[in-house]
Amino acid sequence: MKKNKNNLDERQEQTLLQIEHNGCWLAFWGLLAAIIIQIILGFDFRKLAGEWIVFMLLALYIAVGCMKQGIWDRRLKPDMSSNITVSLITALVTGMLGFVYTVRRFPDKILGSIASGIVYAIIGFVVCFAALQFSAQLFKKRQSKLEKEPSENEEE
C-alpha cells in the first residue's frame, strides 16, 4: 500500500489544522445565521432545505466524531446544569424565532403569536434538554469504555 506523503512539518500541520478548525466553525455558525435570517425574513422552509441539510450533516459529523473520540466540549461539562443552561438558551432563540415567524404570517394575531413563541420555546427546551441528556449518557459510557482500553503507547 502506498503511503501518502505529507509535505508539511509539525508546525505547518498544526497551523493547517487550526485553519481547518476555524473554517469548519465559520461554516457551521454561518449556516445557522443564514437559516435564522431567512426564517426572520419570512422565507419558505422549502427554500432553506439545502442550507438545513448541510448544517445538519455538519452538526451530525461533529457530534459523532467527538462522541467517538470521547470529547464533550472545551468549557462545558456533560452535566445537568450545563444542559439546562444550553436548553434555556435554545428555548429563548426558538421562542423568539417562533414568535417572529408567526407574527409575520398573522400580523393581526399578536396574542396568538406570543402563544406560538411560548410553545416553540417549550418544545425547543424539551427537545434540546432530552438530546443533551441522552448524549451526555452516551458520552459517559463511551468515555468509560475508552478509559478501560489499553493505550496504544503502553507496552504489554
N, C-alpha and C. Protein backbone atom coordinates (compact mmCIF):
# COMPACT_ATOMS: atom_id res chain seq x y z
N MET A 1 0.84 -1.17 0.00
CA MET A 1 0.00 0.00 0.00
C MET A 1 0.89 1.24 0.00
N LYS A 2 0.54 2.18 -0.82
CA LYS A 2 1.32 3.41 -0.94
C LYS A 2 0.97 4.37 0.19
N LYS A 3 1.98 4.87 0.87
CA LYS A 3 1.77 5.80 1.97
C LYS A 3 1.72 7.22 1.42
N ASN A 4 0.73 8.02 1.92
CA ASN A 4 0.62 9.41 1.49
C ASN A 4 1.78 10.22 2.01
N LYS A 5 2.37 11.03 1.15
CA LYS A 5 3.49 11.87 1.56
C LYS A 5 2.93 13.19 2.07
N ASN A 6 3.38 13.58 3.23
CA ASN A 6 2.96 14.84 3.83
C ASN A 6 4.11 15.83 3.66
N ASN A 7 3.86 16.92 2.97
CA ASN A 7 4.89 17.93 2.72
C ASN A 7 5.00 18.96 3.83
N LEU A 8 4.24 18.79 4.91
CA LEU A 8 4.22 19.79 5.97
C LEU A 8 5.05 19.33 7.17
N ASP A 9 5.71 20.29 7.81
CA ASP A 9 6.37 19.96 9.07
C ASP A 9 5.31 20.05 10.18
N GLU A 10 5.70 19.77 11.42
CA GLU A 10 4.73 19.72 12.51
C GLU A 10 4.07 21.07 12.75
N ARG A 11 4.82 22.15 12.66
CA ARG A 11 4.26 23.48 12.87
C ARG A 11 3.24 23.80 11.78
N GLN A 12 3.57 23.51 10.54
CA GLN A 12 2.66 23.76 9.43
C GLN A 12 1.40 22.88 9.55
N GLU A 13 1.58 21.65 9.99
CA GLU A 13 0.45 20.74 10.17
C GLU A 13 -0.51 21.30 11.23
N GLN A 14 0.04 21.78 12.35
CA GLN A 14 -0.79 22.38 13.40
C GLN A 14 -1.49 23.64 12.89
N THR A 15 -0.78 24.46 12.11
CA THR A 15 -1.37 25.66 11.55
C THR A 15 -2.51 25.30 10.60
N LEU A 16 -2.30 24.31 9.75
CA LEU A 16 -3.33 23.87 8.82
C LEU A 16 -4.55 23.33 9.58
N LEU A 17 -4.32 22.55 10.63
CA LEU A 17 -5.43 22.04 11.43
C LEU A 17 -6.22 23.18 12.06
N GLN A 18 -5.52 24.23 12.53
CA GLN A 18 -6.20 25.39 13.11
C GLN A 18 -7.03 26.12 12.05
N ILE A 19 -6.50 26.27 10.85
CA ILE A 19 -7.24 26.92 9.76
C ILE A 19 -8.48 26.10 9.41
N GLU A 20 -8.31 24.79 9.31
CA GLU A 20 -9.45 23.92 9.00
C GLU A 20 -10.49 23.98 10.12
N HIS A 21 -10.02 24.01 11.36
CA HIS A 21 -10.91 24.11 12.52
C HIS A 21 -11.74 25.39 12.45
N ASN A 22 -11.06 26.50 12.22
CA ASN A 22 -11.76 27.78 12.14
C ASN A 22 -12.73 27.80 10.96
N GLY A 23 -12.33 27.23 9.84
CA GLY A 23 -13.20 27.17 8.66
C GLY A 23 -14.45 26.36 8.92
N CYS A 24 -14.29 25.25 9.62
CA CYS A 24 -15.43 24.40 9.95
C CYS A 24 -16.43 25.16 10.81
N TRP A 25 -15.94 25.84 11.86
CA TRP A 25 -16.85 26.57 12.74
C TRP A 25 -17.42 27.81 12.07
N LEU A 26 -16.67 28.42 11.17
CA LEU A 26 -17.21 29.54 10.39
C LEU A 26 -18.37 29.06 9.53
N ALA A 27 -18.21 27.91 8.88
CA ALA A 27 -19.29 27.34 8.07
C ALA A 27 -20.49 26.98 8.94
N PHE A 28 -20.26 26.37 10.09
CA PHE A 28 -21.33 25.96 10.99
C PHE A 28 -22.16 27.16 11.44
N TRP A 29 -21.50 28.15 12.04
CA TRP A 29 -22.22 29.32 12.56
C TRP A 29 -22.75 30.19 11.43
N GLY A 30 -22.06 30.24 10.30
CA GLY A 30 -22.54 30.99 9.15
C GLY A 30 -23.82 30.40 8.58
N LEU A 31 -23.86 29.07 8.47
CA LEU A 31 -25.09 28.41 8.01
C LEU A 31 -26.24 28.63 8.98
N LEU A 32 -25.96 28.53 10.27
CA LEU A 32 -27.01 28.76 11.26
C LEU A 32 -27.53 30.19 11.16
N ALA A 33 -26.63 31.16 11.04
CA ALA A 33 -27.05 32.57 10.91
C ALA A 33 -27.87 32.77 9.64
N ALA A 34 -27.44 32.16 8.53
CA ALA A 34 -28.18 32.30 7.27
C ALA A 34 -29.58 31.71 7.41
N ILE A 35 -29.70 30.57 8.06
CA ILE A 35 -31.01 29.94 8.25
C ILE A 35 -31.90 30.83 9.12
N ILE A 36 -31.37 31.35 10.23
CA ILE A 36 -32.15 32.20 11.12
C ILE A 36 -32.58 33.48 10.41
N ILE A 37 -31.68 34.11 9.69
CA ILE A 37 -32.03 35.34 8.97
C ILE A 37 -33.12 35.07 7.95
N GLN A 38 -33.02 33.96 7.23
CA GLN A 38 -34.04 33.64 6.23
C GLN A 38 -35.40 33.33 6.88
N ILE A 39 -35.38 32.74 8.06
CA ILE A 39 -36.64 32.50 8.78
C ILE A 39 -37.25 33.83 9.19
N ILE A 40 -36.41 34.74 9.74
CA ILE A 40 -36.90 36.05 10.16
C ILE A 40 -37.47 36.84 8.97
N LEU A 41 -36.82 36.72 7.82
CA LEU A 41 -37.29 37.43 6.62
C LEU A 41 -38.54 36.78 6.01
N GLY A 42 -38.92 35.64 6.54
CA GLY A 42 -40.15 35.00 6.09
C GLY A 42 -40.00 34.06 4.93
N PHE A 43 -38.79 33.59 4.66
CA PHE A 43 -38.60 32.65 3.57
C PHE A 43 -39.33 31.34 3.87
N ASP A 44 -39.78 30.70 2.82
CA ASP A 44 -40.44 29.41 2.93
C ASP A 44 -39.40 28.37 3.36
N PHE A 45 -39.80 27.47 4.26
CA PHE A 45 -38.87 26.45 4.75
C PHE A 45 -38.32 25.58 3.64
N ARG A 46 -39.11 25.37 2.58
CA ARG A 46 -38.63 24.55 1.46
C ARG A 46 -37.42 25.18 0.78
N LYS A 47 -37.32 26.51 0.83
CA LYS A 47 -36.19 27.20 0.22
C LYS A 47 -34.93 27.10 1.09
N LEU A 48 -35.11 26.66 2.33
CA LEU A 48 -33.98 26.52 3.25
C LEU A 48 -33.41 25.10 3.27
N ALA A 49 -33.99 24.22 2.48
CA ALA A 49 -33.63 22.80 2.56
C ALA A 49 -32.14 22.56 2.35
N GLY A 50 -31.54 23.22 1.37
CA GLY A 50 -30.11 23.00 1.10
C GLY A 50 -29.24 23.39 2.28
N GLU A 51 -29.46 24.60 2.80
CA GLU A 51 -28.68 25.06 3.96
C GLU A 51 -28.92 24.15 5.16
N TRP A 52 -30.20 23.77 5.36
CA TRP A 52 -30.54 22.94 6.51
C TRP A 52 -29.85 21.58 6.43
N ILE A 53 -29.85 20.97 5.24
CA ILE A 53 -29.20 19.66 5.08
C ILE A 53 -27.71 19.75 5.36
N VAL A 54 -27.03 20.75 4.80
CA VAL A 54 -25.59 20.91 5.03
C VAL A 54 -25.32 21.18 6.51
N PHE A 55 -26.12 22.05 7.12
CA PHE A 55 -25.95 22.37 8.55
C PHE A 55 -26.12 21.12 9.41
N MET A 56 -27.16 20.34 9.15
CA MET A 56 -27.40 19.15 9.96
C MET A 56 -26.33 18.08 9.73
N LEU A 57 -25.86 17.92 8.49
CA LEU A 57 -24.77 16.97 8.24
C LEU A 57 -23.50 17.39 8.98
N LEU A 58 -23.20 18.67 8.96
CA LEU A 58 -22.02 19.18 9.67
C LEU A 58 -22.17 18.98 11.17
N ALA A 59 -23.34 19.29 11.70
CA ALA A 59 -23.59 19.11 13.14
C ALA A 59 -23.50 17.64 13.53
N LEU A 60 -24.06 16.77 12.71
CA LEU A 60 -24.02 15.34 12.99
C LEU A 60 -22.58 14.81 12.93
N TYR A 61 -21.83 15.25 11.92
CA TYR A 61 -20.44 14.81 11.79
C TYR A 61 -19.62 15.23 13.02
N ILE A 62 -19.78 16.48 13.45
CA ILE A 62 -19.04 16.96 14.61
C ILE A 62 -19.45 16.18 15.86
N ALA A 63 -20.74 16.00 16.06
CA ALA A 63 -21.23 15.29 17.25
C ALA A 63 -20.75 13.85 17.29
N VAL A 64 -20.88 13.14 16.19
CA VAL A 64 -20.47 11.73 16.15
C VAL A 64 -18.95 11.62 16.29
N GLY A 65 -18.22 12.49 15.61
CA GLY A 65 -16.76 12.47 15.70
C GLY A 65 -16.27 12.72 17.13
N CYS A 66 -16.86 13.70 17.79
CA CYS A 66 -16.48 13.99 19.18
C CYS A 66 -16.85 12.84 20.10
N MET A 67 -18.05 12.31 19.92
CA MET A 67 -18.51 11.20 20.76
C MET A 67 -17.59 10.00 20.60
N LYS A 68 -17.21 9.71 19.37
CA LYS A 68 -16.35 8.55 19.10
C LYS A 68 -14.99 8.70 19.80
N GLN A 69 -14.50 9.92 19.88
CA GLN A 69 -13.20 10.16 20.50
C GLN A 69 -13.29 10.46 22.00
N GLY A 70 -14.50 10.48 22.54
CA GLY A 70 -14.67 10.75 23.97
C GLY A 70 -14.44 12.21 24.33
N ILE A 71 -14.85 13.11 23.44
CA ILE A 71 -14.67 14.55 23.66
C ILE A 71 -16.05 15.18 23.80
N TRP A 72 -16.25 15.99 24.84
CA TRP A 72 -17.53 16.67 25.03
C TRP A 72 -17.43 18.12 24.60
N ASP A 73 -16.67 18.94 25.32
CA ASP A 73 -16.55 20.36 25.00
C ASP A 73 -15.34 20.91 25.75
N ARG A 74 -14.81 22.01 25.25
CA ARG A 74 -13.67 22.64 25.93
C ARG A 74 -14.07 23.24 27.28
N ARG A 75 -15.26 23.83 27.35
CA ARG A 75 -15.66 24.57 28.54
C ARG A 75 -16.80 23.93 29.33
N LEU A 76 -17.75 23.36 28.62
CA LEU A 76 -18.93 22.80 29.29
C LEU A 76 -18.70 21.36 29.70
N LYS A 77 -19.38 20.97 30.76
CA LYS A 77 -19.32 19.59 31.22
C LYS A 77 -20.65 18.91 30.87
N PRO A 78 -20.62 17.60 30.70
CA PRO A 78 -21.87 16.88 30.38
C PRO A 78 -22.70 16.65 31.64
N ASP A 79 -23.15 17.75 32.26
CA ASP A 79 -23.93 17.63 33.49
C ASP A 79 -25.27 18.35 33.37
N MET A 80 -26.09 18.19 34.37
CA MET A 80 -27.45 18.73 34.36
C MET A 80 -27.47 20.25 34.24
N SER A 81 -26.62 20.95 34.97
CA SER A 81 -26.66 22.42 34.94
C SER A 81 -26.25 22.97 33.58
N SER A 82 -25.24 22.40 32.96
CA SER A 82 -24.85 22.84 31.61
C SER A 82 -25.97 22.54 30.62
N ASN A 83 -26.57 21.38 30.73
CA ASN A 83 -27.64 21.00 29.81
C ASN A 83 -28.86 21.90 29.97
N ILE A 84 -29.18 22.29 31.20
CA ILE A 84 -30.29 23.21 31.43
C ILE A 84 -29.97 24.58 30.85
N THR A 85 -28.75 25.07 31.08
CA THR A 85 -28.36 26.38 30.56
C THR A 85 -28.44 26.42 29.04
N VAL A 86 -27.86 25.44 28.38
CA VAL A 86 -27.89 25.39 26.91
C VAL A 86 -29.32 25.24 26.42
N SER A 87 -30.13 24.46 27.10
CA SER A 87 -31.52 24.26 26.70
C SER A 87 -32.33 25.55 26.88
N LEU A 88 -32.05 26.32 27.92
CA LEU A 88 -32.74 27.59 28.12
C LEU A 88 -32.38 28.59 27.00
N ILE A 89 -31.12 28.61 26.62
CA ILE A 89 -30.70 29.47 25.50
C ILE A 89 -31.40 29.04 24.22
N THR A 90 -31.44 27.74 23.99
CA THR A 90 -32.14 27.20 22.82
C THR A 90 -33.62 27.58 22.86
N ALA A 91 -34.24 27.47 24.04
CA ALA A 91 -35.65 27.82 24.18
C ALA A 91 -35.88 29.30 23.86
N LEU A 92 -35.01 30.14 24.35
CA LEU A 92 -35.14 31.58 24.08
C LEU A 92 -35.06 31.87 22.58
N VAL A 93 -34.07 31.29 21.92
CA VAL A 93 -33.89 31.52 20.48
C VAL A 93 -35.06 30.94 19.69
N THR A 94 -35.45 29.70 19.98
CA THR A 94 -36.55 29.11 19.22
C THR A 94 -37.87 29.82 19.52
N GLY A 95 -38.05 30.26 20.74
CA GLY A 95 -39.26 31.02 21.08
C GLY A 95 -39.34 32.33 20.32
N MET A 96 -38.23 33.05 20.26
CA MET A 96 -38.21 34.31 19.51
C MET A 96 -38.44 34.05 18.01
N LEU A 97 -37.77 33.03 17.47
CA LEU A 97 -37.97 32.70 16.05
C LEU A 97 -39.41 32.28 15.78
N GLY A 98 -39.99 31.49 16.67
CA GLY A 98 -41.38 31.09 16.51
C GLY A 98 -42.32 32.28 16.54
N PHE A 99 -42.05 33.21 17.45
CA PHE A 99 -42.86 34.43 17.53
C PHE A 99 -42.74 35.24 16.24
N VAL A 100 -41.51 35.49 15.79
CA VAL A 100 -41.29 36.28 14.58
C VAL A 100 -41.93 35.61 13.37
N TYR A 101 -41.74 34.32 13.25
CA TYR A 101 -42.31 33.58 12.12
C TYR A 101 -43.83 33.70 12.12
N THR A 102 -44.46 33.53 13.28
CA THR A 102 -45.92 33.57 13.37
C THR A 102 -46.46 34.98 13.18
N VAL A 103 -45.82 35.97 13.77
CA VAL A 103 -46.32 37.34 13.65
C VAL A 103 -46.20 37.84 12.21
N ARG A 104 -45.21 37.34 11.47
CA ARG A 104 -45.09 37.72 10.05
C ARG A 104 -46.20 37.09 9.23
N ARG A 105 -46.62 35.90 9.59
CA ARG A 105 -47.70 35.23 8.85
C ARG A 105 -49.07 35.77 9.24
N PHE A 106 -49.23 36.11 10.51
CA PHE A 106 -50.52 36.60 11.02
C PHE A 106 -50.30 37.88 11.83
N PRO A 107 -50.05 39.00 11.16
CA PRO A 107 -49.70 40.24 11.87
C PRO A 107 -50.79 40.77 12.81
N ASP A 108 -52.04 40.42 12.57
CA ASP A 108 -53.12 40.93 13.42
C ASP A 108 -53.40 40.03 14.62
N LYS A 109 -52.67 38.94 14.76
CA LYS A 109 -52.89 37.98 15.86
C LYS A 109 -51.69 37.99 16.82
N ILE A 110 -51.46 39.11 17.48
CA ILE A 110 -50.27 39.25 18.34
C ILE A 110 -50.31 38.30 19.53
N LEU A 111 -51.46 38.11 20.17
CA LEU A 111 -51.53 37.19 21.31
C LEU A 111 -51.29 35.75 20.86
N GLY A 112 -51.81 35.41 19.70
CA GLY A 112 -51.56 34.08 19.14
C GLY A 112 -50.09 33.89 18.81
N SER A 113 -49.44 34.96 18.35
CA SER A 113 -48.01 34.88 18.04
C SER A 113 -47.18 34.71 19.30
N ILE A 114 -47.59 35.39 20.37
CA ILE A 114 -46.90 35.24 21.65
C ILE A 114 -47.07 33.80 22.15
N ALA A 115 -48.30 33.30 22.08
CA ALA A 115 -48.54 31.91 22.49
C ALA A 115 -47.73 30.94 21.64
N SER A 116 -47.66 31.22 20.35
CA SER A 116 -46.88 30.37 19.46
C SER A 116 -45.40 30.40 19.85
N GLY A 117 -44.89 31.58 20.16
CA GLY A 117 -43.49 31.69 20.60
C GLY A 117 -43.23 30.91 21.87
N ILE A 118 -44.18 30.94 22.79
CA ILE A 118 -44.04 30.18 24.05
C ILE A 118 -44.04 28.68 23.77
N VAL A 119 -44.93 28.25 22.88
CA VAL A 119 -44.97 26.82 22.53
C VAL A 119 -43.66 26.40 21.86
N TYR A 120 -43.17 27.22 20.92
CA TYR A 120 -41.87 26.93 20.28
C TYR A 120 -40.77 26.84 21.34
N ALA A 121 -40.77 27.77 22.31
CA ALA A 121 -39.75 27.77 23.35
C ALA A 121 -39.81 26.50 24.20
N ILE A 122 -41.01 26.11 24.58
CA ILE A 122 -41.16 24.90 25.40
C ILE A 122 -40.68 23.67 24.63
N ILE A 123 -41.11 23.57 23.38
CA ILE A 123 -40.68 22.42 22.57
C ILE A 123 -39.17 22.45 22.37
N GLY A 124 -38.61 23.63 22.09
CA GLY A 124 -37.16 23.76 21.92
C GLY A 124 -36.41 23.33 23.16
N PHE A 125 -36.90 23.75 24.34
CA PHE A 125 -36.25 23.37 25.59
C PHE A 125 -36.30 21.86 25.79
N VAL A 126 -37.48 21.28 25.64
CA VAL A 126 -37.65 19.85 25.91
C VAL A 126 -36.80 19.01 24.95
N VAL A 127 -36.85 19.34 23.66
CA VAL A 127 -36.10 18.56 22.68
C VAL A 127 -34.59 18.70 22.92
N CYS A 128 -34.13 19.93 23.14
CA CYS A 128 -32.69 20.15 23.37
C CYS A 128 -32.23 19.47 24.65
N PHE A 129 -33.00 19.63 25.73
CA PHE A 129 -32.61 19.02 27.00
C PHE A 129 -32.56 17.50 26.90
N ALA A 130 -33.58 16.92 26.27
CA ALA A 130 -33.60 15.46 26.11
C ALA A 130 -32.41 14.99 25.27
N ALA A 131 -32.13 15.70 24.19
CA ALA A 131 -31.00 15.32 23.33
C ALA A 131 -29.68 15.44 24.08
N LEU A 132 -29.51 16.51 24.85
CA LEU A 132 -28.27 16.69 25.61
C LEU A 132 -28.12 15.65 26.71
N GLN A 133 -29.21 15.35 27.42
CA GLN A 133 -29.14 14.34 28.47
C GLN A 133 -28.79 12.97 27.88
N PHE A 134 -29.44 12.63 26.77
CA PHE A 134 -29.16 11.37 26.09
C PHE A 134 -27.71 11.33 25.62
N SER A 135 -27.25 12.42 25.01
CA SER A 135 -25.87 12.50 24.52
C SER A 135 -24.87 12.42 25.68
N ALA A 136 -25.19 13.06 26.79
CA ALA A 136 -24.30 13.02 27.95
C ALA A 136 -24.15 11.59 28.47
N GLN A 137 -25.25 10.84 28.49
CA GLN A 137 -25.18 9.45 28.93
C GLN A 137 -24.33 8.62 27.97
N LEU A 138 -24.55 8.82 26.66
CA LEU A 138 -23.72 8.11 25.67
C LEU A 138 -22.25 8.49 25.82
N PHE A 139 -21.99 9.78 26.03
CA PHE A 139 -20.62 10.26 26.19
C PHE A 139 -19.96 9.60 27.40
N LYS A 140 -20.64 9.59 28.53
CA LYS A 140 -20.05 8.99 29.74
C LYS A 140 -19.77 7.50 29.55
N LYS A 141 -20.68 6.83 28.86
CA LYS A 141 -20.48 5.41 28.57
C LYS A 141 -19.27 5.22 27.65
N ARG A 142 -19.18 6.06 26.62
CA ARG A 142 -18.06 5.97 25.67
C ARG A 142 -16.74 6.31 26.35
N GLN A 143 -16.74 7.36 27.16
CA GLN A 143 -15.52 7.76 27.86
C GLN A 143 -15.05 6.66 28.81
N SER A 144 -15.97 6.03 29.49
CA SER A 144 -15.63 4.92 30.39
C SER A 144 -15.00 3.77 29.61
N LYS A 145 -15.56 3.47 28.44
CA LYS A 145 -15.02 2.40 27.60
C LYS A 145 -13.61 2.75 27.12
N LEU A 146 -13.42 4.01 26.71
CA LEU A 146 -12.10 4.43 26.23
C LEU A 146 -11.05 4.38 27.34
N GLU A 147 -11.45 4.72 28.57
CA GLU A 147 -10.52 4.69 29.69
C GLU A 147 -10.10 3.26 30.04
N LYS A 148 -10.95 2.29 29.78
CA LYS A 148 -10.66 0.89 30.09
C LYS A 148 -9.77 0.24 29.03
N GLU A 149 -9.79 0.80 27.80
CA GLU A 149 -8.97 0.24 26.73
C GLU A 149 -7.50 0.53 26.98
N PRO A 150 -6.64 -0.43 26.67
CA PRO A 150 -5.21 -0.15 26.82
C PRO A 150 -4.76 0.89 25.80
N SER A 151 -3.91 1.79 26.27
CA SER A 151 -3.39 2.84 25.40
C SER A 151 -2.46 2.25 24.34
N GLU A 152 -2.42 2.88 23.18
CA GLU A 152 -1.51 2.42 22.12
C GLU A 152 -0.05 2.59 22.52
N ASN A 153 0.22 3.53 23.40
CA ASN A 153 1.60 3.80 23.80
C ASN A 153 2.08 2.89 24.92
N GLU A 154 1.16 2.21 25.58
CA GLU A 154 1.56 1.32 26.68
C GLU A 154 2.18 0.04 26.12
N GLU A 155 3.19 -0.41 26.79
CA GLU A 155 3.80 -1.68 26.39
C GLU A 155 3.12 -2.83 27.13
N GLU A 156 2.94 -3.94 26.44
CA GLU A 156 2.28 -5.08 27.07
C GLU A 156 3.28 -6.06 27.60
